[in-house]
Amino acid sequence: MSGNGVLGVHATDNLEHRIGTHHAGTLGGYTSTRRPVALVWSQEFTTCEEALAAEQQIKGWSRAKKEALILGDWKQIQREAWGKKNPLPERLR
């Protein structure tokens, strides 16, 4: 999460290095002016392709769904995925 509360989603092959460069502001770009940054969730993948696919999927999620992921609230993730146009099934209430 950036200093202004934005939830960024990024894949990397070196998490410690990525966080360090964000903290140092040496990457430039968006987070260089929005420090400090905090790691709020991470997941390891077997391949770069899997990591990039997950990155693209999560980037498309709403903030509410990302917050549920951070909290590990799988039922809320399902609720958010269900949408608001259809009534929730009993198992998600």
N, C-alpha and C. Protein backbone atom coordinates (compact mmCIF):
# COMPACT_ATOMS: atom_id res chain seq x y z
N MET A 1 0.85 -1.15 0.00
CA MET A 1 0.00 0.00 0.00
C MET A 1 0.90 1.22 0.00
N SER A 2 0.56 2.19 -0.83
CA SER A 2 1.38 3.39 -0.88
C SER A 2 0.97 4.35 0.23
N GLY A 3 1.78 5.37 0.42
CA GLY A 3 1.54 6.35 1.47
C GLY A 3 0.20 7.04 1.38
N ASN A 4 -0.41 7.07 0.20
CA ASN A 4 -1.71 7.71 0.07
C ASN A 4 -2.85 6.69 0.04
N GLY A 5 -2.57 5.44 0.41
CA GLY A 5 -3.61 4.43 0.55
C GLY A 5 -3.93 3.62 -0.68
N VAL A 6 -3.22 3.84 -1.78
CA VAL A 6 -3.47 3.09 -3.00
C VAL A 6 -2.93 1.68 -2.86
N LEU A 7 -3.72 0.70 -3.29
CA LEU A 7 -3.31 -0.70 -3.24
C LEU A 7 -2.70 -1.07 -4.59
N GLY A 8 -1.39 -1.13 -4.65
CA GLY A 8 -0.70 -1.50 -5.88
C GLY A 8 -0.55 -3.00 -5.98
N VAL A 9 -0.54 -3.50 -7.19
CA VAL A 9 -0.40 -4.94 -7.44
C VAL A 9 0.76 -5.13 -8.42
N HIS A 10 1.78 -5.88 -7.99
CA HIS A 10 2.97 -6.05 -8.83
C HIS A 10 3.58 -7.43 -8.64
N ALA A 11 4.05 -8.00 -9.72
CA ALA A 11 4.80 -9.25 -9.65
C ALA A 11 6.29 -8.92 -9.63
N THR A 12 7.06 -9.74 -8.94
CA THR A 12 8.50 -9.56 -8.90
C THR A 12 9.17 -10.89 -8.63
N ASP A 13 10.42 -11.00 -9.03
CA ASP A 13 11.16 -12.22 -8.71
C ASP A 13 12.10 -12.01 -7.52
N ASN A 14 12.07 -10.80 -6.94
CA ASN A 14 12.90 -10.50 -5.78
C ASN A 14 12.15 -9.51 -4.89
N LEU A 15 11.32 -10.03 -3.99
CA LEU A 15 10.44 -9.21 -3.18
C LEU A 15 11.20 -8.23 -2.29
N GLU A 16 12.23 -8.71 -1.61
CA GLU A 16 12.99 -7.82 -0.71
C GLU A 16 13.60 -6.65 -1.48
N HIS A 17 14.16 -6.94 -2.65
CA HIS A 17 14.75 -5.87 -3.47
C HIS A 17 13.67 -4.88 -3.92
N ARG A 18 12.54 -5.39 -4.35
CA ARG A 18 11.45 -4.52 -4.82
C ARG A 18 10.98 -3.59 -3.71
N ILE A 19 10.77 -4.13 -2.52
CA ILE A 19 10.33 -3.30 -1.40
C ILE A 19 11.40 -2.27 -1.05
N GLY A 20 12.66 -2.70 -1.04
CA GLY A 20 13.75 -1.78 -0.72
C GLY A 20 13.84 -0.62 -1.69
N THR A 21 13.68 -0.89 -2.98
CA THR A 21 13.76 0.21 -3.96
C THR A 21 12.55 1.13 -3.84
N HIS A 22 11.40 0.60 -3.48
CA HIS A 22 10.24 1.46 -3.24
C HIS A 22 10.49 2.37 -2.04
N HIS A 23 11.00 1.79 -0.95
CA HIS A 23 11.28 2.58 0.25
C HIS A 23 12.33 3.66 -0.02
N ALA A 24 13.33 3.31 -0.82
CA ALA A 24 14.39 4.27 -1.12
C ALA A 24 13.95 5.32 -2.14
N GLY A 25 12.87 5.05 -2.86
CA GLY A 25 12.40 5.98 -3.88
C GLY A 25 13.23 5.96 -5.15
N THR A 26 14.02 4.90 -5.35
CA THR A 26 14.93 4.85 -6.50
C THR A 26 14.28 4.33 -7.78
N LEU A 27 13.07 3.81 -7.68
CA LEU A 27 12.39 3.32 -8.88
C LEU A 27 11.84 4.45 -9.73
N GLY A 28 11.62 5.59 -9.12
CA GLY A 28 10.93 6.65 -9.84
C GLY A 28 9.48 6.26 -9.99
N GLY A 29 8.78 6.95 -10.83
CA GLY A 29 7.39 6.60 -11.10
C GLY A 29 6.46 6.89 -9.94
N TYR A 30 5.33 6.21 -9.96
CA TYR A 30 4.21 6.49 -9.07
C TYR A 30 4.56 6.48 -7.58
N THR A 31 5.20 5.42 -7.11
CA THR A 31 5.42 5.30 -5.66
C THR A 31 6.55 6.18 -5.14
N SER A 32 7.39 6.71 -6.03
CA SER A 32 8.51 7.53 -5.53
C SER A 32 8.02 8.77 -4.79
N THR A 33 6.84 9.25 -5.11
CA THR A 33 6.30 10.43 -4.42
C THR A 33 5.18 10.05 -3.45
N ARG A 34 4.96 8.78 -3.24
CA ARG A 34 3.87 8.33 -2.37
C ARG A 34 4.37 7.35 -1.32
N ARG A 35 5.47 7.68 -0.71
CA ARG A 35 6.04 6.83 0.32
C ARG A 35 5.54 7.27 1.67
N PRO A 36 5.60 6.44 2.68
CA PRO A 36 6.16 5.10 2.66
C PRO A 36 5.21 4.09 2.01
N VAL A 37 5.75 2.99 1.61
CA VAL A 37 4.94 1.88 1.09
C VAL A 37 4.99 0.75 2.10
N ALA A 38 3.95 -0.07 2.10
CA ALA A 38 3.90 -1.21 3.02
C ALA A 38 3.41 -2.43 2.26
N LEU A 39 4.07 -3.54 2.48
CA LEU A 39 3.62 -4.81 1.91
C LEU A 39 2.46 -5.31 2.76
N VAL A 40 1.30 -5.49 2.15
CA VAL A 40 0.14 -5.94 2.92
C VAL A 40 -0.30 -7.35 2.55
N TRP A 41 0.20 -7.89 1.44
CA TRP A 41 -0.13 -9.25 1.04
C TRP A 41 0.88 -9.70 0.00
N SER A 42 1.23 -10.97 0.02
CA SER A 42 2.08 -11.54 -1.03
C SER A 42 1.76 -13.02 -1.18
N GLN A 43 2.11 -13.53 -2.34
CA GLN A 43 1.95 -14.95 -2.61
C GLN A 43 3.08 -15.39 -3.53
N GLU A 44 3.61 -16.57 -3.28
CA GLU A 44 4.65 -17.12 -4.15
C GLU A 44 4.02 -17.99 -5.21
N PHE A 45 4.64 -18.00 -6.40
CA PHE A 45 4.17 -18.82 -7.51
C PHE A 45 5.32 -19.65 -8.05
N THR A 46 5.00 -20.73 -8.68
CA THR A 46 6.01 -21.63 -9.23
C THR A 46 6.68 -21.02 -10.46
N THR A 47 5.90 -20.34 -11.29
CA THR A 47 6.44 -19.78 -12.52
C THR A 47 6.12 -18.29 -12.64
N CYS A 48 6.90 -17.61 -13.44
CA CYS A 48 6.63 -16.18 -13.72
C CYS A 48 5.28 -16.02 -14.40
N GLU A 49 4.93 -16.95 -15.27
CA GLU A 49 3.65 -16.86 -15.98
C GLU A 49 2.48 -16.88 -15.01
N GLU A 50 2.55 -17.76 -14.00
CA GLU A 50 1.49 -17.82 -13.00
C GLU A 50 1.41 -16.52 -12.20
N ALA A 51 2.57 -15.98 -11.85
CA ALA A 51 2.60 -14.73 -11.09
C ALA A 51 2.01 -13.58 -11.90
N LEU A 52 2.37 -13.49 -13.16
CA LEU A 52 1.85 -12.41 -14.01
C LEU A 52 0.36 -12.56 -14.26
N ALA A 53 -0.11 -13.79 -14.39
CA ALA A 53 -1.56 -14.02 -14.57
C ALA A 53 -2.32 -13.58 -13.32
N ALA A 54 -1.80 -13.91 -12.14
CA ALA A 54 -2.44 -13.50 -10.89
C ALA A 54 -2.40 -11.98 -10.75
N GLU A 55 -1.28 -11.36 -11.12
CA GLU A 55 -1.16 -9.90 -11.06
C GLU A 55 -2.26 -9.26 -11.91
N GLN A 56 -2.42 -9.72 -13.14
CA GLN A 56 -3.43 -9.14 -14.02
C GLN A 56 -4.84 -9.37 -13.48
N GLN A 57 -5.09 -10.53 -12.92
CA GLN A 57 -6.41 -10.83 -12.37
C GLN A 57 -6.72 -9.89 -11.20
N ILE A 58 -5.79 -9.78 -10.26
CA ILE A 58 -6.02 -8.98 -9.06
C ILE A 58 -6.10 -7.50 -9.40
N LYS A 59 -5.32 -7.04 -10.37
CA LYS A 59 -5.40 -5.63 -10.78
C LYS A 59 -6.81 -5.25 -11.25
N GLY A 60 -7.56 -6.24 -11.77
CA GLY A 60 -8.91 -5.97 -12.23
C GLY A 60 -9.96 -5.98 -11.12
N TRP A 61 -9.56 -6.32 -9.92
CA TRP A 61 -10.50 -6.41 -8.80
C TRP A 61 -10.82 -5.04 -8.23
N SER A 62 -11.98 -4.95 -7.59
CA SER A 62 -12.35 -3.73 -6.87
C SER A 62 -11.48 -3.60 -5.62
N ARG A 63 -11.46 -2.40 -5.06
CA ARG A 63 -10.73 -2.19 -3.82
C ARG A 63 -11.28 -3.09 -2.71
N ALA A 64 -12.60 -3.21 -2.64
CA ALA A 64 -13.23 -4.05 -1.60
C ALA A 64 -12.77 -5.50 -1.71
N LYS A 65 -12.66 -5.99 -2.92
CA LYS A 65 -12.23 -7.38 -3.11
C LYS A 65 -10.76 -7.54 -2.75
N LYS A 66 -9.93 -6.54 -3.08
CA LYS A 66 -8.51 -6.58 -2.70
C LYS A 66 -8.36 -6.54 -1.18
N GLU A 67 -9.18 -5.72 -0.51
CA GLU A 67 -9.11 -5.64 0.95
C GLU A 67 -9.51 -6.98 1.58
N ALA A 68 -10.50 -7.65 0.99
CA ALA A 68 -10.89 -8.98 1.49
C ALA A 68 -9.74 -9.97 1.32
N LEU A 69 -9.01 -9.88 0.20
CA LEU A 69 -7.85 -10.74 -0.03
C LEU A 69 -6.79 -10.49 1.04
N ILE A 70 -6.51 -9.23 1.32
CA ILE A 70 -5.51 -8.87 2.34
C ILE A 70 -5.89 -9.47 3.69
N LEU A 71 -7.19 -9.45 4.00
CA LEU A 71 -7.67 -9.98 5.28
C LEU A 71 -7.82 -11.50 5.28
N GLY A 72 -7.69 -12.12 4.09
CA GLY A 72 -7.89 -13.56 3.99
C GLY A 72 -9.35 -13.96 4.15
N ASP A 73 -10.26 -13.04 3.83
CA ASP A 73 -11.70 -13.26 3.98
C ASP A 73 -12.26 -13.83 2.68
N TRP A 74 -12.15 -15.15 2.52
CA TRP A 74 -12.52 -15.80 1.27
C TRP A 74 -14.01 -15.69 0.98
N LYS A 75 -14.82 -15.70 2.02
CA LYS A 75 -16.26 -15.56 1.81
C LYS A 75 -16.58 -14.17 1.25
N GLN A 76 -15.91 -13.16 1.75
CA GLN A 76 -16.14 -11.80 1.23
C GLN A 76 -15.62 -11.67 -0.21
N ILE A 77 -14.52 -12.33 -0.51
CA ILE A 77 -14.03 -12.33 -1.90
C ILE A 77 -15.11 -12.91 -2.81
N GLN A 78 -15.73 -14.01 -2.39
CA GLN A 78 -16.80 -14.61 -3.18
C GLN A 78 -17.99 -13.66 -3.32
N ARG A 79 -18.34 -12.98 -2.22
CA ARG A 79 -19.45 -12.02 -2.29
C ARG A 79 -19.13 -10.92 -3.29
N GLU A 80 -17.92 -10.39 -3.23
CA GLU A 80 -17.53 -9.32 -4.15
C GLU A 80 -17.53 -9.81 -5.59
N ALA A 81 -17.11 -11.05 -5.80
CA ALA A 81 -17.08 -11.61 -7.15
C ALA A 81 -18.50 -11.83 -7.68
N TRP A 82 -19.43 -12.12 -6.80
CA TRP A 82 -20.80 -12.40 -7.20
C TRP A 82 -21.43 -11.17 -7.85
N GLY A 83 -21.10 -10.00 -7.34
CA GLY A 83 -21.67 -8.77 -7.89
C GLY A 83 -22.92 -8.35 -7.16
N LYS A 84 -23.49 -7.25 -7.60
CA LYS A 84 -24.63 -6.67 -6.90
C LYS A 84 -25.94 -6.83 -7.66
N LYS A 85 -25.90 -7.31 -8.88
CA LYS A 85 -27.12 -7.40 -9.70
C LYS A 85 -27.97 -8.62 -9.36
N ASN A 86 -27.35 -9.68 -8.87
CA ASN A 86 -28.07 -10.90 -8.57
C ASN A 86 -28.14 -11.11 -7.06
N PRO A 87 -29.22 -11.72 -6.56
CA PRO A 87 -29.27 -12.00 -5.12
C PRO A 87 -28.18 -12.99 -4.73
N LEU A 88 -27.61 -12.77 -3.56
CA LEU A 88 -26.57 -13.68 -3.06
C LEU A 88 -27.15 -15.03 -2.74
N PRO A 89 -26.44 -16.10 -3.09
CA PRO A 89 -26.89 -17.42 -2.66
C PRO A 89 -26.77 -17.54 -1.14
N GLU A 90 -27.54 -18.39 -0.57
CA GLU A 90 -27.57 -18.54 0.89
C GLU A 90 -26.18 -18.77 1.48
N ARG A 91 -25.33 -19.54 0.80
CA ARG A 91 -24.00 -19.87 1.34
C ARG A 91 -23.09 -18.64 1.46
N LEU A 92 -23.42 -17.54 0.79
CA LEU A 92 -22.59 -16.33 0.86
C LEU A 92 -23.17 -15.26 1.77
N ARG A 93 -24.31 -15.54 2.37
CA ARG A 93 -24.93 -14.54 3.27
C ARG A 93 -24.34 -14.58 4.64
